[in-house]
Amino acid sequence: MIRRLLAMAVVATVVVGCAPRPIHFMREGPTPVVVPKQSSFRVTPIWRFYTGKAYDSADIPLRPVVGSTQMFAAEPSGKVYALEAVTGNIVWQIDSKLDISAGVGFGHGIVVVASDEGQLLALDPTDGNLLWQSTVGAEVLARPIVADELIIVRTGDGQVIGVDKKSGTIRWRLRNNVPALSVRGLSVPVQVNEIVVVGYASGHLSGIDIETGRELWKTPISHPGGSNQIDRLIDIDADPLIAGNRLFVAAYQDKVYAISLAAQKVEWRVPNSTLRNLAVSDNDLLMTLDDGVVVALDQNTGTEVWTQARLKGRGVTNPVAIPGSKFCVVGDYQGYVHVMDVNTGQLKGRGRVRAGAIMATSVSPGFEGFYTLSERGTITAWLLDESS
C-alpha cells in the first residue's frame, strides 16, 4: 500500500513538474497563432495613464467612458478619475475607498460607479465632488446607465434596479431568477425610448418601463442545448447594441440576432457565439467570436461579409470601428492592437503597449483614434500612423 502511495506521489510530481504554463485569462480556445507580420503602417500611442491596480480576470473590466472633452475612468481599489480626453492629463481624482465592481456610468450631468457590496457613488463630472451615496443591497456586476431621471443598475443576484438620479433613492426593483451556473459578468442595459432592454444569463431579453419598473415583455432569445451545465450556458453577456432601427443581441454558445425595433420581431439570426461586445461600421456588424476570429456581417441580412482568422486564439477583444476612417481595431492578450480594413478585414497596421493583455477597446466621436484598457490598469490613446 505504501509503495503504491509513493508511486502515485512520484507520478503526480512528474506530471505537475511537466505541466504547461497556465493559459492567460484573456486567451481561451485554440493555440494562439503567431503575431502577424507588420502590415501597411504603425499604430502609435499618444498618451498613457496608469489607473492604479491591475486586473486578474476578464470578467468585469472597468471600461472608461468619454464625454465631450473628458474621459472618466476607475480602478478596482476605488480611485475614480476625470482625464482630458486629448492629453490624458488629470482633471480631478478621488479615492472612494470602495472595491469598485462596475462602472463607469456617465450621462445627464452625473458620473456613477458601484461596489461589490452594492454601494453606489454619484459624482459631479466637473469636479468629482460627491453628489450622493446609497446602497442597493447586492453586488453590482454591470456598468450603471443613466436613463432619463433614473440610474439603472444590475446586480449579480438577478435584480434590475431603478435609482433616482438626484437623490440616490431606490424607485423600483425587478427580480429575476439566476441560473445555477452562468458566466460571471452581466451585459449593460440599453435604453430604447421609454424602456430599457436587458439581456439575462437565462437567454431571455426583457423590456422594462423606465419610470415604473414594470416589465412590459420578456421573451426567450436563445435556448440551451448540450448534455451538461457548461454546454447549456447561453448568457447574453455582450451588451445589446442599437444601430438604426435594429437591436443586435448576441448569446454565448448560441447565435447573434437582429431584431427590428419597429416590428418587434427577429429579422435574422446567425449561429455565432461571443461574450465580447458588438460594434457597427457603416453597413456591417462587427464581432469577435469565442476563438478570436473576427467577422463582419451585413446588418440587413446577416450574411458574412468577411472573416479575419489570423488572430485566432490570441484572446482578441471586442472590435470597434475607428471614427472618421475606413478601419476597425481589436487588441490581444500580448498587448498588441491590430487595425483592419473595415470593408475587407485585411490587417493593415499594428502597435503594442507593454502593459499586459488588452482587455477592452473603445472610441469617442470627437477623437480620430481609439482607446484601450490593459491588464495592468493602463489606459492608452492611439492614433494611426499611415505615413509609416
Protein backbone atom coordinates (compact mmCIF):
# COMPACT_ATOMS: atom_id res chain seq x y z
CA MET A 1 0.00 0.00 0.00
CA ILE A 2 2.78 2.41 1.00
CA ARG A 3 4.64 1.61 -2.23
CA ARG A 4 1.54 2.40 -4.25
CA LEU A 5 1.09 5.73 -2.48
CA LEU A 6 4.75 6.65 -3.03
CA ALA A 7 4.50 5.68 -6.68
CA MET A 8 1.39 7.85 -7.07
CA ALA A 9 3.18 10.75 -5.40
CA VAL A 10 6.15 10.45 -7.77
CA VAL A 11 3.84 10.35 -10.80
CA ALA A 12 1.94 13.38 -9.53
CA THR A 13 5.20 15.28 -9.01
CA VAL A 14 6.36 14.47 -12.54
CA VAL A 15 3.01 15.49 -14.02
CA VAL A 16 2.94 18.78 -12.14
CA GLY A 17 6.57 19.47 -12.96
CA CYS A 18 5.93 18.92 -16.65
CA ALA A 19 2.65 20.82 -16.76
CA PRO A 20 2.40 23.62 -19.31
CA ARG A 21 2.27 27.24 -18.26
CA PRO A 22 -1.24 28.37 -17.29
CA ILE A 23 -3.36 29.85 -20.04
CA HIS A 24 -3.77 33.63 -19.80
CA PHE A 25 -7.25 34.63 -18.66
CA MET A 26 -7.85 36.60 -21.87
CA ARG A 27 -6.90 33.66 -24.08
CA GLU A 28 -9.39 30.81 -24.36
CA GLY A 29 -9.85 28.21 -27.04
CA PRO A 30 -7.26 27.17 -29.63
CA THR A 31 -3.49 27.61 -29.51
CA PRO A 32 -2.67 31.22 -30.43
CA VAL A 33 -1.36 31.93 -33.88
CA VAL A 34 1.94 33.78 -34.25
CA VAL A 35 1.62 37.57 -34.30
CA PRO A 36 1.01 38.54 -37.94
CA LYS A 37 3.89 40.44 -39.52
CA GLN A 38 3.82 44.20 -39.78
CA SER A 39 1.41 45.37 -42.45
CA SER A 40 0.95 48.76 -44.10
CA PHE A 41 1.50 51.14 -41.18
CA ARG A 42 2.15 51.51 -37.47
CA VAL A 43 -0.31 52.37 -34.73
CA THR A 44 1.15 54.87 -32.27
CA PRO A 45 0.25 55.51 -28.61
CA ILE A 46 -0.06 59.26 -27.96
CA TRP A 47 -0.63 59.07 -24.21
CA ARG A 48 -0.89 56.52 -21.41
CA PHE A 49 -2.40 56.70 -17.95
CA TYR A 50 -1.94 54.20 -15.14
CA THR A 51 -5.15 53.94 -13.10
CA GLY A 52 -3.60 52.18 -10.09
CA LYS A 53 -4.46 48.48 -10.00
CA ALA A 54 -4.10 45.51 -12.33
CA TYR A 55 -6.79 43.00 -13.30
CA ASP A 56 -6.53 39.27 -12.68
CA SER A 57 -9.57 38.20 -14.72
CA ALA A 58 -11.51 39.32 -17.78
CA ASP A 59 -14.89 39.22 -16.02
CA ILE A 60 -15.66 42.87 -15.38
CA PRO A 61 -13.11 45.38 -16.68
CA LEU A 62 -13.91 48.95 -15.65
CA ARG A 63 -14.18 50.46 -19.11
CA PRO A 64 -13.50 54.19 -19.34
CA VAL A 65 -16.20 56.36 -20.89
CA VAL A 66 -15.67 59.58 -22.84
CA GLY A 67 -17.85 62.68 -22.66
CA SER A 68 -17.42 65.71 -24.89
CA THR A 69 -13.88 66.61 -23.76
CA GLN A 70 -13.19 64.36 -20.78
CA MET A 71 -12.70 60.68 -20.10
CA PHE A 72 -14.00 59.17 -16.86
CA ALA A 73 -12.18 56.12 -15.53
CA ALA A 74 -11.98 53.98 -12.41
CA GLU A 75 -9.89 51.16 -10.99
CA PRO A 76 -10.91 48.21 -8.77
CA SER A 77 -9.42 49.51 -5.50
CA GLY A 78 -11.57 52.65 -5.50
CA LYS A 79 -9.97 55.52 -7.40
CA VAL A 80 -12.07 57.46 -9.92
CA TYR A 81 -10.59 59.92 -12.43
CA ALA A 82 -11.55 62.56 -14.93
CA LEU A 83 -8.92 62.93 -17.66
CA GLU A 84 -8.54 65.29 -20.58
CA ALA A 85 -9.52 63.05 -23.49
CA VAL A 86 -6.93 64.60 -25.83
CA THR A 87 -3.91 64.61 -23.50
CA GLY A 88 -4.66 62.15 -20.69
CA ASN A 89 -3.92 64.85 -18.09
CA ILE A 90 -5.79 64.53 -14.79
CA VAL A 91 -8.68 66.98 -14.32
CA TRP A 92 -9.68 65.54 -10.94
CA GLN A 93 -9.39 62.36 -8.95
CA ILE A 94 -11.00 60.91 -5.84
CA ASP A 95 -10.43 57.80 -3.75
CA SER A 96 -13.78 56.26 -2.84
CA LYS A 97 -12.19 53.60 -0.58
CA LEU A 98 -14.61 51.11 -2.18
CA ASP A 99 -13.89 47.91 -4.06
CA ILE A 100 -15.36 49.05 -7.35
CA SER A 101 -17.01 46.26 -9.32
CA ALA A 102 -18.89 48.20 -12.01
CA GLY A 103 -18.52 51.46 -13.89
CA VAL A 104 -18.09 53.96 -15.19
CA GLY A 105 -21.62 55.22 -15.81
CA PHE A 106 -21.93 58.72 -17.21
CA GLY A 107 -24.65 60.96 -18.61
CA HIS A 108 -27.03 63.84 -17.87
CA GLY A 109 -24.54 65.56 -15.54
CA ILE A 110 -23.58 62.62 -13.33
CA VAL A 111 -20.76 60.03 -13.00
CA VAL A 112 -21.62 56.74 -11.28
CA VAL A 113 -19.59 53.77 -10.02
CA ALA A 114 -20.68 50.78 -7.94
CA SER A 115 -19.03 48.43 -5.46
CA ASP A 116 -19.05 44.70 -4.84
CA GLU A 117 -21.14 45.35 -1.71
CA GLY A 118 -23.83 47.20 -3.65
CA GLN A 119 -22.84 50.76 -2.85
CA LEU A 120 -23.49 53.42 -5.48
CA LEU A 121 -21.38 56.56 -5.68
CA ALA A 122 -22.62 59.56 -7.70
CA LEU A 123 -20.09 62.25 -8.58
CA ASP A 124 -20.20 65.68 -10.19
CA PRO A 125 -18.40 65.32 -13.55
CA THR A 126 -16.96 68.84 -13.36
CA ASP A 127 -15.01 68.48 -10.11
CA GLY A 128 -15.54 64.95 -8.72
CA ASN A 129 -17.49 66.18 -5.69
CA LEU A 130 -19.78 63.62 -4.10
CA LEU A 131 -23.44 64.16 -5.01
CA TRP A 132 -24.80 61.23 -3.03
CA GLN A 133 -24.01 57.70 -1.89
CA SER A 134 -26.53 54.89 -1.47
CA THR A 135 -26.76 51.11 -1.42
CA VAL A 136 -28.79 48.60 -3.43
CA GLY A 137 -28.03 45.63 -1.19
CA ALA A 138 -26.28 43.34 -3.70
CA GLU A 139 -23.10 43.20 -5.76
CA VAL A 140 -23.34 45.29 -8.94
CA LEU A 141 -21.85 43.49 -11.96
CA ALA A 142 -22.69 45.74 -14.91
CA ARG A 143 -21.90 49.35 -15.69
CA PRO A 144 -24.80 51.52 -14.46
CA ILE A 145 -26.53 53.56 -17.15
CA VAL A 146 -28.20 56.95 -16.78
CA ALA A 147 -31.66 56.72 -18.38
CA ASP A 148 -33.65 59.94 -18.17
CA GLU A 149 -34.14 60.68 -14.44
CA LEU A 150 -33.06 57.25 -13.24
CA ILE A 151 -29.87 55.25 -12.94
CA ILE A 152 -30.40 51.63 -14.00
CA VAL A 153 -28.36 49.08 -12.03
CA ARG A 154 -27.95 45.30 -12.49
CA THR A 155 -26.88 43.04 -9.63
CA GLY A 156 -25.36 39.58 -9.53
CA ASP A 157 -28.46 38.09 -7.87
CA GLY A 158 -30.67 38.90 -10.88
CA GLN A 159 -32.12 42.27 -9.90
CA VAL A 160 -32.63 45.28 -12.16
CA ILE A 161 -32.97 48.41 -10.02
CA GLY A 162 -34.07 51.94 -10.83
CA VAL A 163 -32.35 54.59 -8.67
CA ASP A 164 -33.35 58.24 -8.57
CA LYS A 165 -30.63 60.26 -10.29
CA LYS A 166 -30.93 63.28 -7.97
CA SER A 167 -31.19 61.61 -4.58
CA GLY A 168 -29.98 58.00 -4.86
CA THR A 169 -33.33 56.73 -3.59
CA ILE A 170 -34.42 53.35 -4.95
CA ARG A 171 -37.56 53.86 -7.03
CA TRP A 172 -38.17 50.26 -8.08
CA ARG A 173 -36.75 46.74 -8.14
CA LEU A 174 -37.36 43.93 -10.60
CA ARG A 175 -36.21 40.45 -9.55
CA ASN A 176 -35.30 37.61 -11.91
CA ASN A 177 -34.19 34.03 -11.37
CA VAL A 178 -30.48 33.38 -11.93
CA PRO A 179 -29.30 30.08 -13.46
CA ALA A 180 -27.31 27.79 -11.15
CA LEU A 181 -24.30 28.26 -13.43
CA SER A 182 -23.58 31.29 -15.59
CA VAL A 183 -20.67 33.30 -16.96
CA ARG A 184 -19.60 35.93 -14.40
CA GLY A 185 -20.43 39.44 -15.52
CA LEU A 186 -23.59 40.96 -16.94
CA SER A 187 -24.47 42.86 -20.09
CA VAL A 188 -25.19 46.57 -19.79
CA PRO A 189 -28.85 47.55 -20.32
CA VAL A 190 -29.65 49.73 -23.33
CA GLN A 191 -32.28 52.46 -23.45
CA VAL A 192 -34.86 52.37 -26.23
CA ASN A 193 -37.11 55.41 -25.87
CA GLU A 194 -39.10 54.94 -22.61
CA ILE A 195 -37.87 51.42 -21.88
CA VAL A 196 -34.60 49.69 -21.05
CA VAL A 197 -33.77 46.40 -22.71
CA VAL A 198 -31.94 43.84 -20.57
CA GLY A 199 -30.33 40.56 -21.61
CA TYR A 200 -30.16 37.81 -18.99
CA ALA A 201 -27.98 34.76 -18.30
CA SER A 202 -31.06 32.64 -18.99
CA GLY A 203 -31.04 33.76 -22.63
CA HIS A 204 -34.13 35.93 -22.15
CA LEU A 205 -34.50 39.52 -23.34
CA SER A 206 -36.69 41.87 -21.32
CA GLY A 207 -38.22 45.32 -21.87
CA ILE A 208 -38.73 47.38 -18.70
CA ASP A 209 -40.60 50.67 -18.32
CA ILE A 210 -38.03 53.18 -17.07
CA GLU A 211 -40.46 55.22 -14.99
CA THR A 212 -42.29 52.42 -13.16
CA GLY A 213 -40.01 49.37 -13.40
CA ARG A 214 -42.85 47.31 -14.83
CA GLU A 215 -41.71 44.50 -17.12
CA LEU A 216 -43.55 45.13 -20.38
CA TRP A 217 -42.35 41.99 -22.13
CA LYS A 218 -39.92 39.14 -21.71
CA THR A 219 -39.00 36.67 -24.43
CA PRO A 220 -36.52 33.80 -24.80
CA ILE A 221 -33.95 34.76 -27.41
CA SER A 222 -31.71 31.72 -27.09
CA HIS A 223 -32.35 28.19 -25.88
CA PRO A 224 -29.91 25.91 -24.02
CA GLY A 225 -28.53 22.80 -25.66
CA GLY A 226 -25.99 20.17 -24.70
CA SER A 227 -25.96 17.48 -22.04
CA ASN A 228 -24.21 19.29 -19.17
CA GLN A 229 -24.33 22.67 -17.43
CA ILE A 230 -21.29 24.04 -19.26
CA ASP A 231 -22.70 23.22 -22.69
CA ARG A 232 -26.04 24.74 -21.68
CA LEU A 233 -24.65 28.21 -20.89
CA ILE A 234 -26.45 30.80 -23.04
CA ASP A 235 -25.63 34.07 -21.25
CA ILE A 236 -26.31 37.34 -23.00
CA ASP A 237 -23.10 38.96 -21.75
CA ALA A 238 -22.35 41.14 -24.77
CA ASP A 239 -24.13 44.49 -24.41
CA PRO A 240 -27.23 44.75 -26.64
CA LEU A 241 -26.45 47.24 -29.42
CA ILE A 242 -28.79 49.64 -31.22
CA ALA A 243 -27.95 50.67 -34.79
CA GLY A 244 -30.58 52.50 -36.79
CA ASN A 245 -33.90 50.73 -36.32
CA ARG A 246 -32.37 47.43 -35.21
CA LEU A 247 -31.31 45.91 -31.93
CA PHE A 248 -28.44 43.41 -32.13
CA VAL A 249 -28.14 40.77 -29.41
CA ALA A 250 -25.53 38.01 -29.05
CA ALA A 251 -25.80 34.94 -26.83
CA TYR A 252 -22.92 32.76 -25.70
CA GLN A 253 -22.81 29.31 -27.38
CA ASP A 254 -25.84 30.26 -29.47
CA LYS A 255 -26.50 32.95 -32.07
CA VAL A 256 -26.38 36.64 -32.87
CA TYR A 257 -29.79 38.18 -33.56
CA ALA A 258 -31.01 41.25 -35.42
CA ILE A 259 -34.33 42.48 -34.04
CA SER A 260 -36.49 45.09 -35.74
CA LEU A 261 -37.43 47.79 -33.23
CA ALA A 262 -40.36 48.88 -35.38
CA ALA A 263 -41.87 45.44 -35.98
CA GLN A 264 -40.54 43.96 -32.71
CA LYS A 265 -39.52 40.72 -34.36
CA VAL A 266 -36.33 38.87 -35.25
CA GLU A 267 -35.20 39.74 -38.79
CA TRP A 268 -32.31 37.29 -38.92
CA ARG A 269 -30.17 35.05 -36.74
CA VAL A 270 -26.70 33.62 -37.38
CA PRO A 271 -25.06 30.81 -35.32
CA ASN A 272 -22.09 32.80 -33.97
CA SER A 273 -21.08 32.73 -30.29
CA THR A 274 -19.44 35.58 -28.39
CA LEU A 275 -19.09 37.16 -24.95
CA ARG A 276 -17.48 40.30 -26.41
CA ASN A 277 -19.36 43.49 -27.22
CA LEU A 278 -20.51 44.08 -30.78
CA ALA A 279 -19.78 47.09 -32.99
CA VAL A 280 -21.07 48.53 -36.24
CA SER A 281 -19.47 50.20 -39.23
CA ASP A 282 -21.48 51.93 -41.96
CA ASN A 283 -23.10 48.75 -43.25
CA ASP A 284 -21.74 45.86 -41.22
CA LEU A 285 -21.99 44.32 -37.77
CA LEU A 286 -18.53 43.53 -36.33
CA MET A 287 -17.94 40.79 -33.78
CA THR A 288 -15.17 38.70 -32.23
CA LEU A 289 -16.04 35.01 -31.96
CA ASP A 290 -15.11 32.86 -28.97
CA ASP A 291 -11.99 31.54 -30.72
CA GLY A 292 -10.65 35.01 -31.59
CA VAL A 293 -11.78 35.07 -35.22
CA VAL A 294 -13.17 38.49 -36.21
CA VAL A 295 -16.12 38.60 -38.60
CA ALA A 296 -18.27 41.21 -40.29
CA LEU A 297 -21.94 40.51 -41.05
CA ASP A 298 -24.24 42.50 -43.30
CA GLN A 299 -26.56 44.44 -40.97
CA ASN A 300 -29.55 43.90 -43.26
CA THR A 301 -29.25 40.17 -43.90
CA GLY A 302 -26.70 38.64 -41.51
CA THR A 303 -24.68 37.42 -44.49
CA GLU A 304 -20.96 37.10 -43.78
CA VAL A 305 -19.02 39.91 -45.47
CA TRP A 306 -15.50 38.95 -44.36
CA THR A 307 -13.61 36.81 -41.86
CA GLN A 308 -10.21 37.53 -40.30
CA ALA A 309 -8.75 34.32 -38.82
CA ARG A 310 -5.10 35.39 -38.50
CA LEU A 311 -5.69 36.39 -34.86
CA LYS A 312 -7.27 33.09 -33.84
CA GLY A 313 -6.55 32.06 -30.26
CA ARG A 314 -4.98 35.41 -29.30
CA GLY A 315 -7.56 36.44 -26.71
CA VAL A 316 -8.98 39.04 -29.06
CA THR A 317 -11.04 41.90 -27.59
CA ASN A 318 -14.25 43.43 -28.81
CA PRO A 319 -13.84 45.22 -32.17
CA VAL A 320 -14.54 48.92 -32.65
CA ALA A 321 -14.82 50.98 -35.82
CA ILE A 322 -12.44 53.97 -35.69
CA PRO A 323 -14.31 57.25 -36.28
CA GLY A 324 -13.53 59.16 -39.45
CA SER A 325 -11.62 56.26 -41.00
CA LYS A 326 -12.10 53.07 -43.01
CA PHE A 327 -10.60 50.93 -40.24
CA CYS A 328 -11.58 48.87 -37.22
CA VAL A 329 -9.37 47.60 -34.40
CA VAL A 330 -9.03 44.84 -31.80
CA GLY A 331 -6.47 44.10 -29.08
CA ASP A 332 -4.94 40.80 -27.93
CA TYR A 333 -3.51 39.02 -24.88
CA GLN A 334 0.09 40.10 -25.56
CA GLY A 335 -0.71 43.81 -25.66
CA TYR A 336 -0.88 44.17 -29.44
CA VAL A 337 -3.52 46.19 -31.25
CA HIS A 338 -4.42 45.11 -34.77
CA VAL A 339 -6.01 47.50 -37.27
CA MET A 340 -8.10 46.03 -40.09
CA ASP A 341 -9.73 47.42 -43.21
CA VAL A 342 -13.37 47.64 -42.13
CA ASN A 343 -14.57 46.71 -45.64
CA THR A 344 -12.36 43.68 -46.25
CA GLY A 345 -10.98 42.57 -42.87
CA GLN A 346 -7.41 42.79 -44.19
CA LEU A 347 -4.81 43.52 -41.50
CA LYS A 348 -3.36 46.98 -42.11
CA GLY A 349 -1.45 48.09 -39.01
CA ARG A 350 -0.17 47.02 -35.64
CA GLY A 351 1.09 48.54 -32.39
CA ARG A 352 1.93 47.38 -28.91
CA VAL A 353 1.86 48.67 -25.37
CA ARG A 354 3.72 46.63 -22.75
CA ALA A 355 1.09 46.72 -20.03
CA GLY A 356 -0.22 43.17 -20.25
CA ALA A 357 -3.20 42.00 -22.24
CA ILE A 358 -5.53 44.45 -23.94
CA MET A 359 -8.88 43.90 -22.18
CA ALA A 360 -11.16 46.36 -23.98
CA THR A 361 -11.17 48.84 -26.84
CA SER A 362 -13.33 51.94 -27.18
CA VAL A 363 -13.79 55.06 -29.29
CA SER A 364 -15.34 58.50 -28.95
CA PRO A 365 -16.95 60.64 -31.67
CA GLY A 366 -14.53 63.57 -31.33
CA PHE A 367 -11.31 61.53 -31.48
CA GLU A 368 -9.93 60.10 -34.72
CA GLY A 369 -8.21 57.26 -32.93
CA PHE A 370 -9.16 54.79 -30.22
CA TYR A 371 -8.54 53.87 -26.59
CA THR A 372 -7.54 50.63 -24.89
CA LEU A 373 -7.67 49.36 -21.32
CA SER A 374 -4.85 46.96 -20.41
CA GLU A 375 -4.46 44.22 -17.85
CA ARG A 376 -2.11 46.28 -15.66
CA GLY A 377 -4.64 49.09 -15.37
CA THR A 378 -3.22 51.26 -18.15
CA ILE A 379 -5.42 53.35 -20.44
CA THR A 380 -3.79 54.18 -23.77
CA ALA A 381 -4.88 56.58 -26.51
CA TRP A 382 -3.79 55.58 -30.03
CA LEU A 383 -3.56 57.20 -33.45
CA LEU A 384 -2.98 55.62 -36.85
CA ASP A 385 0.34 56.49 -38.49
CA GLU A 386 -0.47 55.77 -42.13
CA SER A 387 2.73 57.53 -43.28
CA SER A 388 4.98 54.89 -41.70
